[in-house]
Amino acid sequence: QVAIFDGPIHWHWQNEANSKGFTIEARVADRYHLALRCQACDGLTKTR
């Protein structure tokens, strides 16, 4: 269980994620990490 970080998800982050096969689900842990949802398997991954 990872804590959600309260902060904006900028559009250029989301565009970058979409171009690489992911969707940003949330900002997590701190301002440096994201929860990415894989567009292939629908699984979540914590990524800087």
ModelCIF file with pLDDT and N, C-alpha, C, O atoms, coordinates in Angstrom:
data_MODEL
#
_entry.id   MODEL 
#
_entity.id                         1 
_entity.type                       polymer 
_entity.pdbx_number_of_molecules   1 
#
_entity_poly.entity_id                      1 
_entity_poly.type                           'polypeptide(L)' 
_entity_poly.nstd_linkage                   no 
_entity_poly.nstd_monomer                   no 
_entity_poly.pdbx_seq_one_letter_code       QVAIFDGPIHWHWQNEANSKGFTIEARVADRYHLALRCQACDGLTKTR 
_entity_poly.pdbx_seq_one_letter_code_can   QVAIFDGPIHWHWQNEANSKGFTIEARVADRYHLALRCQACDGLTKTR 
_entity_poly.pdbx_strand_id                 A 
#
loop_
_entity_poly_seq.entity_id 
_entity_poly_seq.num 
_entity_poly_seq.mon_id 
_entity_poly_seq.hetero 
1 1  GLN n 
1 2  VAL n 
1 3  ALA n 
1 4  ILE n 
1 5  PHE n 
1 6  ASP n 
1 7  GLY n 
1 8  PRO n 
1 9  ILE n 
1 10 HIS n 
1 11 TRP n 
1 12 HIS n 
1 13 TRP n 
1 14 GLN n 
1 15 ASN n 
1 16 GLU n 
1 17 ALA n 
1 18 ASN n 
1 19 SER n 
1 20 LYS n 
1 21 GLY n 
1 22 PHE n 
1 23 THR n 
1 24 ILE n 
1 25 GLU n 
1 26 ALA n 
1 27 ARG n 
1 28 VAL n 
1 29 ALA n 
1 30 ASP n 
1 31 ARG n 
1 32 TYR n 
1 33 HIS n 
1 34 LEU n 
1 35 ALA n 
1 36 LEU n 
1 37 ARG n 
1 38 CYS n 
1 39 GLN n 
1 40 ALA n 
1 41 CYS n 
1 42 ASP n 
1 43 GLY n 
1 44 LEU n 
1 45 THR n 
1 46 LYS n 
1 47 THR n 
1 48 ARG n 
#
_struct_asym.id          A 
_struct_asym.entity_id   1 
#
loop_
_ma_qa_metric.id 
_ma_qa_metric.mode 
_ma_qa_metric.name 
_ma_qa_metric.software_group_id 
_ma_qa_metric.type 
1 global pLDDT . pLDDT 
2 local  pLDDT . pLDDT 
#
_ma_qa_metric_global.metric_id      1 
_ma_qa_metric_global.metric_value   94.77 
_ma_qa_metric_global.model_id       1 
_ma_qa_metric_global.ordinal_id     1 
#
loop_
_ma_qa_metric_local.label_asym_id 
_ma_qa_metric_local.label_comp_id 
_ma_qa_metric_local.label_seq_id 
_ma_qa_metric_local.metric_id 
_ma_qa_metric_local.metric_value 
_ma_qa_metric_local.model_id 
_ma_qa_metric_local.ordinal_id 
A GLN 1  2 91.00 1 1  
A VAL 2  2 92.00 1 2  
A ALA 3  2 93.00 1 3  
A ILE 4  2 93.00 1 4  
A PHE 5  2 93.00 1 5  
A ASP 6  2 90.00 1 6  
A GLY 7  2 90.00 1 7  
A PRO 8  2 93.00 1 8  
A ILE 9  2 94.00 1 9  
A HIS 10 2 95.00 1 10 
A TRP 11 2 95.00 1 11 
A HIS 12 2 95.00 1 12 
A TRP 13 2 96.00 1 13 
A GLN 14 2 96.00 1 14 
A ASN 15 2 96.00 1 15 
A GLU 16 2 97.00 1 16 
A ALA 17 2 96.00 1 17 
A ASN 18 2 96.00 1 18 
A SER 19 2 96.00 1 19 
A LYS 20 2 97.00 1 20 
A GLY 21 2 96.00 1 21 
A PHE 22 2 97.00 1 22 
A THR 23 2 96.00 1 23 
A ILE 24 2 96.00 1 24 
A GLU 25 2 94.00 1 25 
A ALA 26 2 94.00 1 26 
A ARG 27 2 95.00 1 27 
A VAL 28 2 95.00 1 28 
A ALA 29 2 91.00 1 29 
A ASP 30 2 92.00 1 30 
A ARG 31 2 92.00 1 31 
A TYR 32 2 95.00 1 32 
A HIS 33 2 96.00 1 33 
A LEU 34 2 96.00 1 34 
A ALA 35 2 96.00 1 35 
A LEU 36 2 97.00 1 36 
A ARG 37 2 96.00 1 37 
A CYS 38 2 97.00 1 38 
A GLN 39 2 96.00 1 39 
A ALA 40 2 95.00 1 40 
A CYS 41 2 95.00 1 41 
A ASP 42 2 94.00 1 42 
A GLY 43 2 95.00 1 43 
A LEU 44 2 96.00 1 44 
A THR 45 2 95.00 1 45 
A LYS 46 2 96.00 1 46 
A THR 47 2 96.00 1 47 
A ARG 48 2 96.00 1 48 
#
loop_
_atom_site.group_PDB 
_atom_site.id 
_atom_site.type_symbol 
_atom_site.label_atom_id 
_atom_site.label_alt_id 
_atom_site.label_comp_id 
_atom_site.label_asym_id 
_atom_site.label_entity_id 
_atom_site.label_seq_id 
_atom_site.pdbx_PDB_ins_code 
_atom_site.Cartn_x 
_atom_site.Cartn_y 
_atom_site.Cartn_z 
_atom_site.occupancy 
_atom_site.B_iso_or_equiv 
_atom_site.pdbx_formal_charge 
_atom_site.auth_seq_id 
_atom_site.auth_comp_id 
_atom_site.auth_asym_id 
_atom_site.auth_atom_id 
_atom_site.pdbx_PDB_model_num 
ATOM 1   N N  . GLN A 1 1  ? 0.862  -1.171 0.000   1.00 91.00 ? 1  GLN A N  1 
ATOM 2   C CA . GLN A 1 1  ? 0.000  0.000  0.000   1.00 91.00 ? 1  GLN A CA 1 
ATOM 3   C C  . GLN A 1 1  ? 0.908  1.234  0.000   1.00 91.00 ? 1  GLN A C  1 
ATOM 4   O O  . GLN A 1 1  ? 1.705  1.424  0.919   1.00 91.00 ? 1  GLN A O  1 
ATOM 5   N N  . VAL A 1 2  ? 0.783  2.062  -1.026  1.00 92.00 ? 2  VAL A N  1 
ATOM 6   C CA . VAL A 1 2  ? 1.645  3.226  -1.176  1.00 92.00 ? 2  VAL A CA 1 
ATOM 7   C C  . VAL A 1 2  ? 0.816  4.485  -1.002  1.00 92.00 ? 2  VAL A C  1 
ATOM 8   O O  . VAL A 1 2  ? -0.264 4.608  -1.580  1.00 92.00 ? 2  VAL A O  1 
ATOM 9   N N  . ALA A 1 3  ? 1.314  5.413  -0.211  1.00 93.00 ? 3  ALA A N  1 
ATOM 10  C CA . ALA A 1 3  ? 0.588  6.656  0.053   1.00 93.00 ? 3  ALA A CA 1 
ATOM 11  C C  . ALA A 1 3  ? 0.539  7.523  -1.199  1.00 93.00 ? 3  ALA A C  1 
ATOM 12  O O  . ALA A 1 3  ? 1.528  7.656  -1.920  1.00 93.00 ? 3  ALA A O  1 
ATOM 13  N N  . ILE A 1 4  ? -0.626 8.109  -1.443  1.00 93.00 ? 4  ILE A N  1 
ATOM 14  C CA . ILE A 1 4  ? -0.791 9.030  -2.566  1.00 93.00 ? 4  ILE A CA 1 
ATOM 15  C C  . ILE A 1 4  ? -0.273 10.409 -2.166  1.00 93.00 ? 4  ILE A C  1 
ATOM 16  O O  . ILE A 1 4  ? -0.593 10.922 -1.094  1.00 93.00 ? 4  ILE A O  1 
ATOM 17  N N  . PHE A 1 5  ? 0.528  10.994 -3.043  1.00 93.00 ? 5  PHE A N  1 
ATOM 18  C CA . PHE A 1 5  ? 1.052  12.336 -2.802  1.00 93.00 ? 5  PHE A CA 1 
ATOM 19  C C  . PHE A 1 5  ? 0.114  13.350 -3.443  1.00 93.00 ? 5  PHE A C  1 
ATOM 20  O O  . PHE A 1 5  ? -0.216 13.242 -4.624  1.00 93.00 ? 5  PHE A O  1 
ATOM 21  N N  . ASP A 1 6  ? -0.304 14.316 -2.673  1.00 90.00 ? 6  ASP A N  1 
ATOM 22  C CA . ASP A 1 6  ? -1.255 15.319 -3.157  1.00 90.00 ? 6  ASP A CA 1 
ATOM 23  C C  . ASP A 1 6  ? -0.521 16.374 -3.977  1.00 90.00 ? 6  ASP A C  1 
ATOM 24  O O  . ASP A 1 6  ? 0.128  17.268 -3.434  1.00 90.00 ? 6  ASP A O  1 
ATOM 25  N N  . GLY A 1 7  ? -0.638 16.247 -5.283  1.00 90.00 ? 7  GLY A N  1 
ATOM 26  C CA . GLY A 1 7  ? 0.016  17.202 -6.163  1.00 90.00 ? 7  GLY A CA 1 
ATOM 27  C C  . GLY A 1 7  ? -0.509 17.065 -7.572  1.00 90.00 ? 7  GLY A C  1 
ATOM 28  O O  . GLY A 1 7  ? -1.096 16.037 -7.909  1.00 90.00 ? 7  GLY A O  1 
ATOM 29  N N  . PRO A 1 8  ? -0.317 18.069 -8.402  1.00 93.00 ? 8  PRO A N  1 
ATOM 30  C CA . PRO A 1 8  ? -0.849 18.022 -9.767  1.00 93.00 ? 8  PRO A CA 1 
ATOM 31  C C  . PRO A 1 8  ? -0.099 17.040 -10.653 1.00 93.00 ? 8  PRO A C  1 
ATOM 32  O O  . PRO A 1 8  ? 1.087  16.779 -10.455 1.00 93.00 ? 8  PRO A O  1 
ATOM 33  N N  . ILE A 1 9  ? -0.812 16.503 -11.633 1.00 94.00 ? 9  ILE A N  1 
ATOM 34  C CA . ILE A 1 9  ? -0.203 15.660 -12.671 1.00 94.00 ? 9  ILE A CA 1 
ATOM 35  C C  . ILE A 1 9  ? -0.196 16.504 -13.948 1.00 94.00 ? 9  ILE A C  1 
ATOM 36  O O  . ILE A 1 9  ? -1.243 16.739 -14.550 1.00 94.00 ? 9  ILE A O  1 
ATOM 37  N N  . HIS A 1 10 ? 0.960  16.944 -14.342 1.00 95.00 ? 10 HIS A N  1 
ATOM 38  C CA . HIS A 1 10 ? 1.066  17.865 -15.471 1.00 95.00 ? 10 HIS A CA 1 
ATOM 39  C C  . HIS A 1 10 ? 0.810  17.146 -16.797 1.00 95.00 ? 10 HIS A C  1 
ATOM 40  O O  . HIS A 1 10 ? 1.103  15.960 -16.949 1.00 95.00 ? 10 HIS A O  1 
ATOM 41  N N  . TRP A 1 11 ? 0.264  17.885 -17.737 1.00 95.00 ? 11 TRP A N  1 
ATOM 42  C CA . TRP A 1 11 ? -0.144 17.276 -19.004 1.00 95.00 ? 11 TRP A CA 1 
ATOM 43  C C  . TRP A 1 11 ? 1.027  16.697 -19.775 1.00 95.00 ? 11 TRP A C  1 
ATOM 44  O O  . TRP A 1 11 ? 0.889  15.664 -20.431 1.00 95.00 ? 11 TRP A O  1 
ATOM 45  N N  . HIS A 1 12 ? 2.195  17.359 -19.704 1.00 95.00 ? 12 HIS A N  1 
ATOM 46  C CA . HIS A 1 12 ? 3.333  16.828 -20.468 1.00 95.00 ? 12 HIS A CA 1 
ATOM 47  C C  . HIS A 1 12 ? 3.873  15.541 -19.833 1.00 95.00 ? 12 HIS A C  1 
ATOM 48  O O  . HIS A 1 12 ? 4.482  14.725 -20.526 1.00 95.00 ? 12 HIS A O  1 
ATOM 49  N N  . TRP A 1 13 ? 3.659  15.348 -18.527 1.00 96.00 ? 13 TRP A N  1 
ATOM 50  C CA . TRP A 1 13 ? 3.990  14.064 -17.909 1.00 96.00 ? 13 TRP A CA 1 
ATOM 51  C C  . TRP A 1 13 ? 3.088  12.970 -18.478 1.00 96.00 ? 13 TRP A C  1 
ATOM 52  O O  . TRP A 1 13 ? 3.548  11.887 -18.840 1.00 96.00 ? 13 TRP A O  1 
ATOM 53  N N  . GLN A 1 14 ? 1.794  13.281 -18.546 1.00 96.00 ? 14 GLN A N  1 
ATOM 54  C CA . GLN A 1 14 ? 0.831  12.299 -19.033 1.00 96.00 ? 14 GLN A CA 1 
ATOM 55  C C  . GLN A 1 14 ? 1.101  11.957 -20.498 1.00 96.00 ? 14 GLN A C  1 
ATOM 56  O O  . GLN A 1 14 ? 0.993  10.798 -20.898 1.00 96.00 ? 14 GLN A O  1 
ATOM 57  N N  . ASN A 1 15 ? 1.446  12.953 -21.284 1.00 96.00 ? 15 ASN A N  1 
ATOM 58  C CA . ASN A 1 15 ? 1.771  12.696 -22.703 1.00 96.00 ? 15 ASN A CA 1 
ATOM 59  C C  . ASN A 1 15 ? 2.990  11.792 -22.830 1.00 96.00 ? 15 ASN A C  1 
ATOM 60  O O  . ASN A 1 15 ? 3.034  10.891 -23.668 1.00 96.00 ? 15 ASN A O  1 
ATOM 61  N N  . GLU A 1 16 ? 3.973  12.054 -21.983 1.00 97.00 ? 16 GLU A N  1 
ATOM 62  C CA . GLU A 1 16 ? 5.192  11.223 -22.008 1.00 97.00 ? 16 GLU A CA 1 
ATOM 63  C C  . GLU A 1 16 ? 4.860  9.785  -21.623 1.00 97.00 ? 16 GLU A C  1 
ATOM 64  O O  . GLU A 1 16 ? 5.354  8.839  -22.237 1.00 97.00 ? 16 GLU A O  1 
ATOM 65  N N  . ALA A 1 17 ? 4.020  9.630  -20.605 1.00 96.00 ? 17 ALA A N  1 
ATOM 66  C CA . ALA A 1 17 ? 3.626  8.287  -20.171 1.00 96.00 ? 17 ALA A CA 1 
ATOM 67  C C  . ALA A 1 17 ? 2.858  7.566  -21.273 1.00 96.00 ? 17 ALA A C  1 
ATOM 68  O O  . ALA A 1 17 ? 3.115  6.390  -21.529 1.00 96.00 ? 17 ALA A O  1 
ATOM 69  N N  . ASN A 1 18 ? 1.909  8.256  -21.940 1.00 96.00 ? 18 ASN A N  1 
ATOM 70  C CA . ASN A 1 18 ? 1.128  7.635  -23.014 1.00 96.00 ? 18 ASN A CA 1 
ATOM 71  C C  . ASN A 1 18 ? 2.026  7.187  -24.159 1.00 96.00 ? 18 ASN A C  1 
ATOM 72  O O  . ASN A 1 18 ? 1.793  6.139  -24.762 1.00 96.00 ? 18 ASN A O  1 
ATOM 73  N N  . SER A 1 19 ? 3.049  7.978  -24.459 1.00 96.00 ? 19 SER A N  1 
ATOM 74  C CA . SER A 1 19 ? 3.946  7.632  -25.571 1.00 96.00 ? 19 SER A CA 1 
ATOM 75  C C  . SER A 1 19 ? 4.786  6.397  -25.265 1.00 96.00 ? 19 SER A C  1 
ATOM 76  O O  . SER A 1 19 ? 5.343  5.776  -26.170 1.00 96.00 ? 19 SER A O  1 
ATOM 77  N N  . LYS A 1 20 ? 4.872  6.045  -23.975 1.00 97.00 ? 20 LYS A N  1 
ATOM 78  C CA . LYS A 1 20 ? 5.688  4.906  -23.565 1.00 97.00 ? 20 LYS A CA 1 
ATOM 79  C C  . LYS A 1 20 ? 4.839  3.745  -23.045 1.00 97.00 ? 20 LYS A C  1 
ATOM 80  O O  . LYS A 1 20 ? 5.358  2.830  -22.405 1.00 97.00 ? 20 LYS A O  1 
ATOM 81  N N  . GLY A 1 21 ? 3.532  3.785  -23.321 1.00 96.00 ? 21 GLY A N  1 
ATOM 82  C CA . GLY A 1 21 ? 2.663  2.662  -22.998 1.00 96.00 ? 21 GLY A CA 1 
ATOM 83  C C  . GLY A 1 21 ? 2.090  2.666  -21.604 1.00 96.00 ? 21 GLY A C  1 
ATOM 84  O O  . GLY A 1 21 ? 1.692  1.615  -21.101 1.00 96.00 ? 21 GLY A O  1 
ATOM 85  N N  . PHE A 1 22 ? 2.037  3.828  -20.957 1.00 97.00 ? 22 PHE A N  1 
ATOM 86  C CA . PHE A 1 22 ? 1.525  3.905  -19.594 1.00 97.00 ? 22 PHE A CA 1 
ATOM 87  C C  . PHE A 1 22 ? 0.533  5.064  -19.454 1.00 97.00 ? 22 PHE A C  1 
ATOM 88  O O  . PHE A 1 22 ? 0.437  5.936  -20.317 1.00 97.00 ? 22 PHE A O  1 
ATOM 89  N N  . THR A 1 23 ? -0.189 5.040  -18.350 1.00 96.00 ? 23 THR A N  1 
ATOM 90  C CA . THR A 1 23 ? -1.044 6.144  -17.937 1.00 96.00 ? 23 THR A CA 1 
ATOM 91  C C  . THR A 1 23 ? -0.708 6.461  -16.492 1.00 96.00 ? 23 THR A C  1 
ATOM 92  O O  . THR A 1 23 ? -0.595 5.554  -15.667 1.00 96.00 ? 23 THR A O  1 
ATOM 93  N N  . ILE A 1 24 ? -0.547 7.746  -16.175 1.00 96.00 ? 24 ILE A N  1 
ATOM 94  C CA . ILE A 1 24 ? -0.247 8.121  -14.793 1.00 96.00 ? 24 ILE A CA 1 
ATOM 95  C C  . ILE A 1 24 ? -1.524 8.006  -13.963 1.00 96.00 ? 24 ILE A C  1 
ATOM 96  O O  . ILE A 1 24 ? -2.511 8.700  -14.209 1.00 96.00 ? 24 ILE A O  1 
ATOM 97  N N  . GLU A 1 25 ? -1.479 7.118  -12.982 1.00 94.00 ? 25 GLU A N  1 
ATOM 98  C CA . GLU A 1 25 ? -2.639 6.894  -12.118 1.00 94.00 ? 25 GLU A CA 1 
ATOM 99  C C  . GLU A 1 25 ? -2.660 7.888  -10.963 1.00 94.00 ? 25 GLU A C  1 
ATOM 100 O O  . GLU A 1 25 ? -3.720 8.389  -10.586 1.00 94.00 ? 25 GLU A O  1 
ATOM 101 N N  . ALA A 1 26 ? -1.487 8.170  -10.404 1.00 94.00 ? 26 ALA A N  1 
ATOM 102 C CA . ALA A 1 26 ? -1.405 9.078  -9.267  1.00 94.00 ? 26 ALA A CA 1 
ATOM 103 C C  . ALA A 1 26 ? 0.057  9.406  -8.991  1.00 94.00 ? 26 ALA A C  1 
ATOM 104 O O  . ALA A 1 26 ? 0.968  8.725  -9.464  1.00 94.00 ? 26 ALA A O  1 
ATOM 105 N N  . ARG A 1 27 ? 0.254  10.450 -8.223  1.00 95.00 ? 27 ARG A N  1 
ATOM 106 C CA . ARG A 1 27 ? 1.574  10.716 -7.660  1.00 95.00 ? 27 ARG A CA 1 
ATOM 107 C C  . ARG A 1 27 ? 1.623  10.010 -6.310  1.00 95.00 ? 27 ARG A C  1 
ATOM 108 O O  . ARG A 1 27 ? 0.666  10.080 -5.539  1.00 95.00 ? 27 ARG A O  1 
ATOM 109 N N  . VAL A 1 28 ? 2.721  9.338  -6.021  1.00 95.00 ? 28 VAL A N  1 
ATOM 110 C CA . VAL A 1 28 ? 2.764  8.512  -4.815  1.00 95.00 ? 28 VAL A CA 1 
ATOM 111 C C  . VAL A 1 28 ? 4.053  8.736  -4.034  1.00 95.00 ? 28 VAL A C  1 
ATOM 112 O O  . VAL A 1 28 ? 5.069  9.172  -4.575  1.00 95.00 ? 28 VAL A O  1 
ATOM 113 N N  . ALA A 1 29 ? 3.975  8.425  -2.749  1.00 91.00 ? 29 ALA A N  1 
ATOM 114 C CA . ALA A 1 29 ? 5.114  8.416  -1.829  1.00 91.00 ? 29 ALA A CA 1 
ATOM 115 C C  . ALA A 1 29 ? 5.664  9.823  -1.573  1.00 91.00 ? 29 ALA A C  1 
ATOM 116 O O  . ALA A 1 29 ? 5.668  10.288 -0.433  1.00 91.00 ? 29 ALA A O  1 
ATOM 117 N N  . ASP A 1 30 ? 6.123  10.494 -2.619  1.00 92.00 ? 30 ASP A N  1 
ATOM 118 C CA . ASP A 1 30 ? 6.651  11.847 -2.507  1.00 92.00 ? 30 ASP A CA 1 
ATOM 119 C C  . ASP A 1 30 ? 6.512  12.521 -3.863  1.00 92.00 ? 30 ASP A C  1 
ATOM 120 O O  . ASP A 1 30 ? 5.938  11.943 -4.785  1.00 92.00 ? 30 ASP A O  1 
ATOM 121 N N  . ARG A 1 31 ? 7.027  13.725 -3.992  1.00 92.00 ? 31 ARG A N  1 
ATOM 122 C CA . ARG A 1 31 ? 6.841  14.463 -5.241  1.00 92.00 ? 31 ARG A CA 1 
ATOM 123 C C  . ARG A 1 31 ? 7.687  13.932 -6.391  1.00 92.00 ? 31 ARG A C  1 
ATOM 124 O O  . ARG A 1 31 ? 7.588  14.424 -7.515  1.00 92.00 ? 31 ARG A O  1 
ATOM 125 N N  . TYR A 1 32 ? 8.514  12.933 -6.116  1.00 95.00 ? 32 TYR A N  1 
ATOM 126 C CA . TYR A 1 32 ? 9.394  12.411 -7.151  1.00 95.00 ? 32 TYR A CA 1 
ATOM 127 C C  . TYR A 1 32 ? 8.889  11.109 -7.776  1.00 95.00 ? 32 TYR A C  1 
ATOM 128 O O  . TYR A 1 32 ? 9.502  10.629 -8.730  1.00 95.00 ? 32 TYR A O  1 
ATOM 129 N N  . HIS A 1 33 ? 7.803  10.520 -7.280  1.00 96.00 ? 33 HIS A N  1 
ATOM 130 C CA . HIS A 1 33 ? 7.362  9.203  -7.744  1.00 96.00 ? 33 HIS A CA 1 
ATOM 131 C C  . HIS A 1 33 ? 5.942  9.233  -8.298  1.00 96.00 ? 33 HIS A C  1 
ATOM 132 O O  . HIS A 1 33 ? 5.107  10.041 -7.892  1.00 96.00 ? 33 HIS A O  1 
ATOM 133 N N  . LEU A 1 34 ? 5.697  8.316  -9.247  1.00 96.00 ? 34 LEU A N  1 
ATOM 134 C CA . LEU A 1 34 ? 4.398  8.181  -9.895  1.00 96.00 ? 34 LEU A CA 1 
ATOM 135 C C  . LEU A 1 34 ? 3.948  6.726  -9.853  1.00 96.00 ? 34 LEU A C  1 
ATOM 136 O O  . LEU A 1 34 ? 4.764  5.806  -9.800  1.00 96.00 ? 34 LEU A O  1 
ATOM 137 N N  . ALA A 1 35 ? 2.636  6.541  -9.878  1.00 96.00 ? 35 ALA A N  1 
ATOM 138 C CA . ALA A 1 35 ? 2.059  5.213  -10.088 1.00 96.00 ? 35 ALA A CA 1 
ATOM 139 C C  . ALA A 1 35 ? 1.634  5.146  -11.545 1.00 96.00 ? 35 ALA A C  1 
ATOM 140 O O  . ALA A 1 35 ? 0.718  5.852  -11.968 1.00 96.00 ? 35 ALA A O  1 
ATOM 141 N N  . LEU A 1 36 ? 2.309  4.289  -12.312 1.00 97.00 ? 36 LEU A N  1 
ATOM 142 C CA . LEU A 1 36 ? 2.011  4.161  -13.731 1.00 97.00 ? 36 LEU A CA 1 
ATOM 143 C C  . LEU A 1 36 ? 1.182  2.920  -13.976 1.00 97.00 ? 36 LEU A C  1 
ATOM 144 O O  . LEU A 1 36 ? 1.505  1.845  -13.471 1.00 97.00 ? 36 LEU A O  1 
ATOM 145 N N  . ARG A 1 37 ? 0.111  3.057  -14.749 1.00 96.00 ? 37 ARG A N  1 
ATOM 146 C CA . ARG A 1 37 ? -0.713 1.913  -15.124 1.00 96.00 ? 37 ARG A CA 1 
ATOM 147 C C  . ARG A 1 37 ? -0.332 1.474  -16.527 1.00 96.00 ? 37 ARG A C  1 
ATOM 148 O O  . ARG A 1 37 ? -0.381 2.265  -17.470 1.00 96.00 ? 37 ARG A O  1 
ATOM 149 N N  . CYS A 1 38 ? 0.051  0.200  -16.662 1.00 97.00 ? 38 CYS A N  1 
ATOM 150 C CA . CYS A 1 38 ? 0.483  -0.336 -17.956 1.00 97.00 ? 38 CYS A CA 1 
ATOM 151 C C  . CYS A 1 38 ? -0.732 -0.485 -18.877 1.00 97.00 ? 38 CYS A C  1 
ATOM 152 O O  . CYS A 1 38 ? -1.756 -1.037 -18.476 1.00 97.00 ? 38 CYS A O  1 
ATOM 153 N N  . GLN A 1 39 ? -0.614 -0.003 -20.078 1.00 96.00 ? 39 GLN A N  1 
ATOM 154 C CA . GLN A 1 39 ? -1.706 -0.099 -21.044 1.00 96.00 ? 39 GLN A CA 1 
ATOM 155 C C  . GLN A 1 39 ? -1.819 -1.497 -21.645 1.00 96.00 ? 39 GLN A C  1 
ATOM 156 O O  . GLN A 1 39 ? -2.803 -1.808 -22.316 1.00 96.00 ? 39 GLN A O  1 
ATOM 157 N N  . ALA A 1 40 ? -0.811 -2.342 -21.406 1.00 95.00 ? 40 ALA A N  1 
ATOM 158 C CA . ALA A 1 40 ? -0.841 -3.713 -21.933 1.00 95.00 ? 40 ALA A CA 1 
ATOM 159 C C  . ALA A 1 40 ? -1.477 -4.686 -20.947 1.00 95.00 ? 40 ALA A C  1 
ATOM 160 O O  . ALA A 1 40 ? -2.306 -5.510 -21.336 1.00 95.00 ? 40 ALA A O  1 
ATOM 161 N N  . CYS A 1 41 ? -1.092 -4.596 -19.659 1.00 95.00 ? 41 CYS A N  1 
ATOM 162 C CA . CYS A 1 41 ? -1.589 -5.572 -18.679 1.00 95.00 ? 41 CYS A CA 1 
ATOM 163 C C  . CYS A 1 41 ? -2.477 -4.950 -17.608 1.00 95.00 ? 41 CYS A C  1 
ATOM 164 O O  . CYS A 1 41 ? -3.075 -5.678 -16.816 1.00 95.00 ? 41 CYS A O  1 
ATOM 165 N N  . ASP A 1 42 ? -2.579 -3.636 -17.563 1.00 94.00 ? 42 ASP A N  1 
ATOM 166 C CA . ASP A 1 42 ? -3.401 -2.905 -16.605 1.00 94.00 ? 42 ASP A CA 1 
ATOM 167 C C  . ASP A 1 42 ? -2.817 -2.943 -15.199 1.00 94.00 ? 42 ASP A C  1 
ATOM 168 O O  . ASP A 1 42 ? -3.490 -2.569 -14.238 1.00 94.00 ? 42 ASP A O  1 
ATOM 169 N N  . GLY A 1 43 ? -1.567 -3.393 -15.070 1.00 95.00 ? 43 GLY A N  1 
ATOM 170 C CA . GLY A 1 43 ? -0.925 -3.428 -13.755 1.00 95.00 ? 43 GLY A CA 1 
ATOM 171 C C  . GLY A 1 43 ? -0.299 -2.095 -13.402 1.00 95.00 ? 43 GLY A C  1 
ATOM 172 O O  . GLY A 1 43 ? -0.059 -1.259 -14.273 1.00 95.00 ? 43 GLY A O  1 
ATOM 173 N N  . LEU A 1 44 ? -0.033 -1.899 -12.108 1.00 96.00 ? 44 LEU A N  1 
ATOM 174 C CA . LEU A 1 44 ? 0.552  -0.661 -11.611 1.00 96.00 ? 44 LEU A CA 1 
ATOM 175 C C  . LEU A 1 44 ? 2.018  -0.851 -11.258 1.00 96.00 ? 44 LEU A C  1 
ATOM 176 O O  . LEU A 1 44 ? 2.417  -1.903 -10.760 1.00 96.00 ? 44 LEU A O  1 
ATOM 177 N N  . THR A 1 45 ? 2.814  0.177  -11.522 1.00 95.00 ? 45 THR A N  1 
ATOM 178 C CA . THR A 1 45 ? 4.228  0.173  -11.203 1.00 95.00 ? 45 THR A CA 1 
ATOM 179 C C  . THR A 1 45 ? 4.611  1.517  -10.603 1.00 95.00 ? 45 THR A C  1 
ATOM 180 O O  . THR A 1 45 ? 4.210  2.567  -11.104 1.00 95.00 ? 45 THR A O  1 
ATOM 181 N N  . LYS A 1 46 ? 5.388  1.479  -9.530  1.00 96.00 ? 46 LYS A N  1 
ATOM 182 C CA . LYS A 1 46 ? 5.906  2.707  -8.933  1.00 96.00 ? 46 LYS A CA 1 
ATOM 183 C C  . LYS A 1 46 ? 7.198  3.077  -9.644  1.00 96.00 ? 46 LYS A C  1 
ATOM 184 O O  . LYS A 1 46 ? 8.130  2.277  -9.715  1.00 96.00 ? 46 LYS A O  1 
ATOM 185 N N  . THR A 1 47 ? 7.247  4.311  -10.177 1.00 96.00 ? 47 THR A N  1 
ATOM 186 C CA . THR A 1 47 ? 8.386  4.740  -10.980 1.00 96.00 ? 47 THR A CA 1 
ATOM 187 C C  . THR A 1 47 ? 8.760  6.178  -10.627 1.00 96.00 ? 47 THR A C  1 
ATOM 188 O O  . THR A 1 47 ? 7.887  6.997  -10.339 1.00 96.00 ? 47 THR A O  1 
ATOM 189 N N  . ARG A 1 48 ? 10.032 6.476  -10.648 1.00 96.00 ? 48 ARG A N  1 
ATOM 190 C CA . ARG A 1 48 ? 10.479 7.845  -10.444 1.00 96.00 ? 48 ARG A CA 1 
ATOM 191 C C  . ARG A 1 48 ? 10.088 8.706  -11.639 1.00 96.00 ? 48 ARG A C  1 
ATOM 192 O O  . ARG A 1 48 ? 10.378 9.902  -11.660 1.00 96.00 ? 48 ARG A O  1 
#
